[in-house]
Amino acid sequence: MSVPVEFFFDLSSPWTRLAFANVRPALDGLDYTIRWLPFLVGGVFNAVNPSVYESRKPENAAKLARSFEWLKQWAQLAGVGMNFPTEHHPLKSVHAMRFCCALEDDQEALERFAHAAFEAYFTEGRNLDDQAELVAVADACGFGGSALGQQATSQPIKDRLRTNTEEAIERGAFGSPTLFVGGEHMYFGNDQLPLVRQKVAELA
């Protein structure tokens, strides 16, 4: 039986960048389907995990520096670029995630765009809060970036992003990435991908 995996993600998260790159290799050889679900991690933090903002205060600088060092080692292990943090951190990702929501009904296109957007932000250090950058990323993927940008500002797309975020919160999410296996088994972060694989194998 093909096991459903839901992957809630926000492009602003470096740990999500890692998990996005690693999830398919982690599930290699297993019978699964994956659904990418764009959401707004800031909305999750505001609702259920405001302590995240405390961790960014100057008095926690030493801990953050160590965390970023480990992050870059994880990125090296995954074979992805990690130019982080840059001047654009923390990223206001609402526009980028609306672009993603505009592609959500075409999962292959969404995966391609998200991959390119992660590269643009974490490898190339580009500002994904800039509409022109998002249009350029979409154009490079073969989409009509300007048209996609217009769609991303429509009320149905804004509503979809809000709905995805509210769904994640209701199901227990507290950060990005949040994964659900078989609809009910929740996992969080890149480091839990071995557990995701174990559960998929168990349910298959």
C-alpha atoms as a PDB file:
ATOM      1  CA  MET A   1       0.000   0.000   0.000  1.00  0.00           C
ATOM      2  CA  SER A   2       1.315   3.423  -0.956  1.00  0.00           C
ATOM      3  CA  VAL A   3       1.728   5.418   2.245  1.00  0.00           C
ATOM      4  CA  PRO A   4       0.762   9.125   2.157  1.00  0.00           C
ATOM      5  CA  VAL A   5       3.357  11.593   3.428  1.00  0.00           C
ATOM      6  CA  GLU A   6       2.344  15.226   3.931  1.00  0.00           C
ATOM      7  CA  PHE A   7       5.168  17.773   4.054  1.00  0.00           C
ATOM      8  CA  PHE A   8       4.229  21.173   5.464  1.00  0.00           C
ATOM      9  CA  PHE A   9       6.963  23.665   4.639  1.00  0.00           C
ATOM     10  CA  ASP A  10       8.050  27.292   4.652  1.00  0.00           C
ATOM     11  CA  LEU A  11      10.851  28.453   2.348  1.00  0.00           C
ATOM     12  CA  SER A  12      12.393  30.633   5.066  1.00  0.00           C
ATOM     13  CA  SER A  13      13.502  27.700   7.225  1.00  0.00           C
ATOM     14  CA  PRO A  14      17.071  26.357   6.817  1.00  0.00           C
ATOM     15  CA  TRP A  15      16.168  23.051   8.462  1.00  0.00           C
ATOM     16  CA  THR A  16      13.300  22.725   5.993  1.00  0.00           C
ATOM     17  CA  ARG A  17      15.764  23.329   3.170  1.00  0.00           C
ATOM     18  CA  LEU A  18      17.666  20.279   4.431  1.00  0.00           C
ATOM     19  CA  ALA A  19      14.597  18.098   4.927  1.00  0.00           C
ATOM     20  CA  PHE A  20      13.239  19.056   1.498  1.00  0.00           C
ATOM     21  CA  ALA A  21      16.485  17.831  -0.071  1.00  0.00           C
ATOM     22  CA  ASN A  22      16.690  14.721   2.095  1.00  0.00           C
ATOM     23  CA  VAL A  23      13.152  13.384   2.297  1.00  0.00           C
ATOM     24  CA  ARG A  24      13.045  11.548  -1.029  1.00  0.00           C
ATOM     25  CA  PRO A  25      16.466   9.913  -0.539  1.00  0.00           C
ATOM     26  CA  ALA A  26      15.354   8.966   2.995  1.00  0.00           C
ATOM     27  CA  LEU A  27      12.313   7.173   1.579  1.00  0.00           C
ATOM     28  CA  ASP A  28      14.104   5.561  -1.353  1.00  0.00           C
ATOM     29  CA  GLY A  29      12.806   2.085  -2.115  1.00  0.00           C
ATOM     30  CA  LEU A  30       9.575   2.496  -0.155  1.00  0.00           C
ATOM     31  CA  ASP A  31       6.034   2.754  -1.538  1.00  0.00           C
ATOM     32  CA  TYR A  32       4.884   6.269  -0.675  1.00  0.00           C
ATOM     33  CA  THR A  33       3.253   9.379  -2.090  1.00  0.00           C
ATOM     34  CA  ILE A  34       4.240  12.853  -0.957  1.00  0.00           C
ATOM     35  CA  ARG A  35       2.122  15.979  -0.870  1.00  0.00           C
ATOM     36  CA  TRP A  36       3.834  19.344  -0.477  1.00  0.00           C
ATOM     37  CA  LEU A  37       1.813  21.773   1.629  1.00  0.00           C
ATOM     38  CA  PRO A  38       2.993  25.411   1.779  1.00  0.00           C
ATOM     39  CA  PHE A  39       2.242  27.172   5.034  1.00  0.00           C
ATOM     40  CA  LEU A  40       3.393  30.218   6.968  1.00  0.00           C
ATOM     41  CA  VAL A  41       5.691  29.195   9.793  1.00  0.00           C
ATOM     42  CA  GLY A  42       5.504  32.663  11.330  1.00  0.00           C
ATOM     43  CA  GLY A  43       1.778  32.105  11.813  1.00  0.00           C
ATOM     44  CA  VAL A  44       2.537  28.836  13.579  1.00  0.00           C
ATOM     45  CA  PHE A  45       5.108  30.501  15.834  1.00  0.00           C
ATOM     46  CA  ASN A  46       2.688  33.285  16.720  1.00  0.00           C
ATOM     47  CA  ALA A  47      -0.061  30.793  17.565  1.00  0.00           C
ATOM     48  CA  VAL A  48       1.738  28.028  19.431  1.00  0.00           C
ATOM     49  CA  ASN A  49       5.516  28.556  19.623  1.00  0.00           C
ATOM     50  CA  PRO A  50       6.433  32.184  20.451  1.00  0.00           C
ATOM     51  CA  SER A  51       9.568  30.999  22.302  1.00  0.00           C
ATOM     52  CA  VAL A  52      11.279  30.888  18.909  1.00  0.00           C
ATOM     53  CA  TYR A  53      11.533  34.668  18.982  1.00  0.00           C
ATOM     54  CA  GLU A  54      13.190  34.559  22.403  1.00  0.00           C
ATOM     55  CA  SER A  55      15.929  32.341  20.991  1.00  0.00           C
ATOM     56  CA  ARG A  56      16.894  35.084  18.512  1.00  0.00           C
ATOM     57  CA  LYS A  57      17.682  37.664  21.181  1.00  0.00           C
ATOM     58  CA  PRO A  58      21.292  38.924  21.508  1.00  0.00           C
ATOM     59  CA  GLU A  59      21.871  37.057  24.760  1.00  0.00           C
ATOM     60  CA  ASN A  60      21.468  33.802  22.833  1.00  0.00           C
ATOM     61  CA  ALA A  61      24.026  34.729  20.158  1.00  0.00           C
ATOM     62  CA  ALA A  62      26.573  32.089  21.204  1.00  0.00           C
ATOM     63  CA  LYS A  63      23.985  29.316  21.056  1.00  0.00           C
ATOM     64  CA  LEU A  64      22.759  30.522  17.664  1.00  0.00           C
ATOM     65  CA  ALA A  65      26.301  30.641  16.283  1.00  0.00           C
ATOM     66  CA  ARG A  66      26.855  27.032  17.328  1.00  0.00           C
ATOM     67  CA  SER A  67      23.536  26.027  15.806  1.00  0.00           C
ATOM     68  CA  PHE A  68      24.454  27.688  12.513  1.00  0.00           C
ATOM     69  CA  GLU A  69      27.778  25.839  12.526  1.00  0.00           C
ATOM     70  CA  TRP A  70      25.975  22.512  12.875  1.00  0.00           C
ATOM     71  CA  LEU A  71      23.483  23.598  10.225  1.00  0.00           C
ATOM     72  CA  LYS A  72      26.279  24.067   7.701  1.00  0.00           C
ATOM     73  CA  GLN A  73      27.677  20.646   8.542  1.00  0.00           C
ATOM     74  CA  TRP A  74      24.240  19.108   7.953  1.00  0.00           C
ATOM     75  CA  ALA A  75      24.082  20.960   4.629  1.00  0.00           C
ATOM     76  CA  GLN A  76      27.476  19.593   3.625  1.00  0.00           C
ATOM     77  CA  LEU A  77      26.250  16.099   4.468  1.00  0.00           C
ATOM     78  CA  ALA A  78      23.133  16.644   2.345  1.00  0.00           C
ATOM     79  CA  GLY A  79      25.119  18.126  -0.542  1.00  0.00           C
ATOM     80  CA  VAL A  80      23.222  21.430  -0.610  1.00  0.00           C
ATOM     81  CA  GLY A  81      24.331  25.031  -0.353  1.00  0.00           C
ATOM     82  CA  MET A  82      23.868  26.849   2.945  1.00  0.00           C
ATOM     83  CA  ASN A  83      24.833  30.510   2.756  1.00  0.00           C
ATOM     84  CA  PHE A  84      23.065  31.351   6.001  1.00  0.00           C
ATOM     85  CA  PRO A  85      22.333  33.641   7.704  1.00  0.00           C
ATOM     86  CA  THR A  86      22.432  36.501   5.234  1.00  0.00           C
ATOM     87  CA  GLU A  87      21.233  40.105   5.455  1.00  0.00           C
ATOM     88  CA  HIS A  88      17.783  38.823   4.438  1.00  0.00           C
ATOM     89  CA  HIS A  89      17.370  36.682   7.569  1.00  0.00           C
ATOM     90  CA  PRO A  90      14.831  36.347   9.060  1.00  0.00           C
ATOM     91  CA  LEU A  91      12.899  36.244   5.807  1.00  0.00           C
ATOM     92  CA  LYS A  92       9.379  37.577   5.618  1.00  0.00           C
ATOM     93  CA  SER A  93       8.132  34.657   3.554  1.00  0.00           C
ATOM     94  CA  VAL A  94       4.448  35.427   3.003  1.00  0.00           C
ATOM     95  CA  HIS A  95       4.904  36.430  -0.664  1.00  0.00           C
ATOM     96  CA  ALA A  96       7.083  33.410  -1.416  1.00  0.00           C
ATOM     97  CA  MET A  97       4.620  31.040   0.216  1.00  0.00           C
ATOM     98  CA  ARG A  98       1.752  32.533  -1.775  1.00  0.00           C
ATOM     99  CA  PHE A  99       3.727  31.745  -4.929  1.00  0.00           C
ATOM    100  CA  CYS A 100       3.967  28.172  -3.649  1.00  0.00           C
ATOM    101  CA  CYS A 101       0.240  28.020  -2.916  1.00  0.00           C
ATOM    102  CA  ALA A 102      -0.480  29.195  -6.453  1.00  0.00           C
ATOM    103  CA  LEU A 103       1.301  26.038  -7.650  1.00  0.00           C
ATOM    104  CA  GLU A 104      -0.054  23.639  -5.035  1.00  0.00           C
ATOM    105  CA  ASP A 105      -2.548  21.940  -7.348  1.00  0.00           C
ATOM    106  CA  ASP A 106       0.365  20.961  -9.618  1.00  0.00           C
ATOM    107  CA  GLN A 107       2.576  19.124  -7.155  1.00  0.00           C
ATOM    108  CA  GLU A 108       5.387  18.480  -9.630  1.00  0.00           C
ATOM    109  CA  ALA A 109       5.550  22.189 -10.482  1.00  0.00           C
ATOM    110  CA  LEU A 110       5.454  23.137  -6.806  1.00  0.00           C
ATOM    111  CA  GLU A 111       8.328  20.793  -6.004  1.00  0.00           C
ATOM    112  CA  ARG A 112      10.377  22.241  -8.860  1.00  0.00           C
ATOM    113  CA  PHE A 113       9.694  25.826  -7.820  1.00  0.00           C
ATOM    114  CA  ALA A 114      10.415  25.135  -4.142  1.00  0.00           C
ATOM    115  CA  HIS A 115      13.714  23.475  -5.032  1.00  0.00           C
ATOM    116  CA  ALA A 116      14.733  26.520  -7.089  1.00  0.00           C
ATOM    117  CA  ALA A 117      13.556  28.936  -4.394  1.00  0.00           C
ATOM    118  CA  PHE A 118      15.529  27.121  -1.698  1.00  0.00           C
ATOM    119  CA  GLU A 119      18.608  27.368  -3.937  1.00  0.00           C
ATOM    120  CA  ALA A 120      18.000  31.053  -4.547  1.00  0.00           C
ATOM    121  CA  TYR A 121      17.690  31.886  -0.859  1.00  0.00           C
ATOM    122  CA  PHE A 122      20.100  29.513   0.854  1.00  0.00           C
ATOM    123  CA  THR A 123      22.800  29.080  -1.810  1.00  0.00           C
ATOM    124  CA  GLU A 124      22.691  32.365  -3.722  1.00  0.00           C
ATOM    125  CA  GLY A 125      21.586  34.628  -0.868  1.00  0.00           C
ATOM    126  CA  ARG A 126      18.766  36.253  -2.839  1.00  0.00           C
ATOM    127  CA  ASN A 127      15.906  38.089  -1.135  1.00  0.00           C
ATOM    128  CA  LEU A 128      12.711  36.086  -1.569  1.00  0.00           C
ATOM    129  CA  ASP A 129      10.687  38.899  -0.027  1.00  0.00           C
ATOM    130  CA  ASP A 130      11.327  40.754  -3.306  1.00  0.00           C
ATOM    131  CA  GLN A 131       8.585  40.131  -5.869  1.00  0.00           C
ATOM    132  CA  ALA A 132      11.066  40.541  -8.732  1.00  0.00           C
ATOM    133  CA  GLU A 133      13.236  37.750  -7.328  1.00  0.00           C
ATOM    134  CA  LEU A 134      10.254  35.424  -7.000  1.00  0.00           C
ATOM    135  CA  VAL A 135       9.226  36.184 -10.576  1.00  0.00           C
ATOM    136  CA  ALA A 136      12.783  35.473 -11.730  1.00  0.00           C
ATOM    137  CA  VAL A 137      12.854  32.125  -9.894  1.00  0.00           C
ATOM    138  CA  ALA A 138       9.531  31.161 -11.454  1.00  0.00           C
ATOM    139  CA  ASP A 139      10.703  32.218 -14.926  1.00  0.00           C
ATOM    140  CA  ALA A 140      13.857  30.109 -14.536  1.00  0.00           C
ATOM    141  CA  CYS A 141      11.634  27.107 -13.765  1.00  0.00           C
ATOM    142  CA  GLY A 142       9.744  27.630 -17.009  1.00  0.00           C
ATOM    143  CA  PHE A 143       6.663  29.206 -15.460  1.00  0.00           C
ATOM    144  CA  GLY A 144       5.255  32.604 -16.333  1.00  0.00           C
ATOM    145  CA  GLY A 145       6.592  34.440 -13.319  1.00  0.00           C
ATOM    146  CA  SER A 146       4.574  37.620 -13.767  1.00  0.00           C
ATOM    147  CA  ALA A 147       1.310  35.749 -14.237  1.00  0.00           C
ATOM    148  CA  LEU A 148       2.111  33.519 -11.272  1.00  0.00           C
ATOM    149  CA  GLY A 149       2.851  36.605  -9.209  1.00  0.00           C
ATOM    150  CA  GLN A 150      -0.527  38.080 -10.067  1.00  0.00           C
ATOM    151  CA  GLN A 151      -2.246  34.830  -9.151  1.00  0.00           C
ATOM    152  CA  ALA A 152      -0.334  34.751  -5.863  1.00  0.00           C
ATOM    153  CA  THR A 153      -1.923  38.067  -4.817  1.00  0.00           C
ATOM    154  CA  SER A 154      -5.478  36.822  -5.412  1.00  0.00           C
ATOM    155  CA  GLN A 155      -7.813  36.258  -2.484  1.00  0.00           C
ATOM    156  CA  PRO A 156      -8.235  32.492  -3.103  1.00  0.00           C
ATOM    157  CA  ILE A 157      -4.463  32.008  -2.856  1.00  0.00           C
ATOM    158  CA  LYS A 158      -4.242  34.152   0.281  1.00  0.00           C
ATOM    159  CA  ASP A 159      -7.055  32.055   1.744  1.00  0.00           C
ATOM    160  CA  ARG A 160      -5.298  28.825   0.826  1.00  0.00           C
ATOM    161  CA  LEU A 161      -2.122  29.848   2.632  1.00  0.00           C
ATOM    162  CA  ARG A 162      -4.160  30.791   5.696  1.00  0.00           C
ATOM    163  CA  THR A 163      -6.088  27.503   5.529  1.00  0.00           C
ATOM    164  CA  ASN A 164      -2.906  25.423   5.221  1.00  0.00           C
ATOM    165  CA  THR A 165      -1.385  27.241   8.191  1.00  0.00           C
ATOM    166  CA  GLU A 166      -4.483  26.798  10.327  1.00  0.00           C
ATOM    167  CA  GLU A 167      -4.660  23.116   9.399  1.00  0.00           C
ATOM    168  CA  ALA A 168      -1.054  22.575  10.448  1.00  0.00           C
ATOM    169  CA  ILE A 169      -1.680  24.280  13.789  1.00  0.00           C
ATOM    170  CA  GLU A 170      -4.855  22.279  14.410  1.00  0.00           C
ATOM    171  CA  ARG A 171      -2.962  19.052  13.727  1.00  0.00           C
ATOM    172  CA  GLY A 172      -0.226  19.907  16.223  1.00  0.00           C
ATOM    173  CA  ALA A 173       2.522  21.558  14.189  1.00  0.00           C
ATOM    174  CA  PHE A 174       4.905  23.922  15.966  1.00  0.00           C
ATOM    175  CA  GLY A 175       7.476  24.616  13.261  1.00  0.00           C
ATOM    176  CA  SER A 176       8.778  23.827   9.778  1.00  0.00           C
ATOM    177  CA  PRO A 177       9.056  21.262   8.377  1.00  0.00           C
ATOM    178  CA  THR A 178       6.201  19.261   9.820  1.00  0.00           C
ATOM    179  CA  LEU A 179       5.491  15.877   8.256  1.00  0.00           C
ATOM    180  CA  PHE A 180       2.548  13.554   8.684  1.00  0.00           C
ATOM    181  CA  VAL A 181       2.761   9.884   7.739  1.00  0.00           C
ATOM    182  CA  GLY A 182      -0.464   8.010   7.154  1.00  0.00           C
ATOM    183  CA  GLY A 183      -2.443  11.100   8.122  1.00  0.00           C
ATOM    184  CA  GLU A 184      -1.815  10.896  11.859  1.00  0.00           C
ATOM    185  CA  HIS A 185       1.837  10.262  12.735  1.00  0.00           C
ATOM    186  CA  MET A 186       3.562  13.645  13.070  1.00  0.00           C
ATOM    187  CA  TYR A 187       7.307  14.323  12.734  1.00  0.00           C
ATOM    188  CA  PHE A 188       9.306  17.521  12.890  1.00  0.00           C
ATOM    189  CA  GLY A 189      12.611  18.518  11.363  1.00  0.00           C
ATOM    190  CA  ASN A 190      15.335  17.085   9.207  1.00  0.00           C
ATOM    191  CA  ASP A 191      16.747  14.892  11.968  1.00  0.00           C
ATOM    192  CA  GLN A 192      13.514  12.891  12.276  1.00  0.00           C
ATOM    193  CA  LEU A 193      13.574  11.635   8.686  1.00  0.00           C
ATOM    194  CA  PRO A 194      14.862   8.203   9.825  1.00  0.00           C
ATOM    195  CA  LEU A 195      11.715   7.957  11.958  1.00  0.00           C
ATOM    196  CA  VAL A 196       9.617   8.989   8.956  1.00  0.00           C
ATOM    197  CA  ARG A 197      11.206   6.196   6.943  1.00  0.00           C
ATOM    198  CA  GLN A 198      10.595   3.702   9.742  1.00  0.00           C
ATOM    199  CA  LYS A 199       6.912   4.619   9.963  1.00  0.00           C
ATOM    200  CA  VAL A 200       6.399   4.536   6.179  1.00  0.00           C
ATOM    201  CA  ALA A 201       7.974   1.070   6.065  1.00  0.00           C
ATOM    202  CA  GLU A 202       5.776  -0.057   8.936  1.00  0.00           C
ATOM    203  CA  LEU A 203       2.564   1.141   7.261  1.00  0.00           C
ATOM    204  CA  ALA A 204       3.364   0.024   3.722  1.00  0.00           C
END
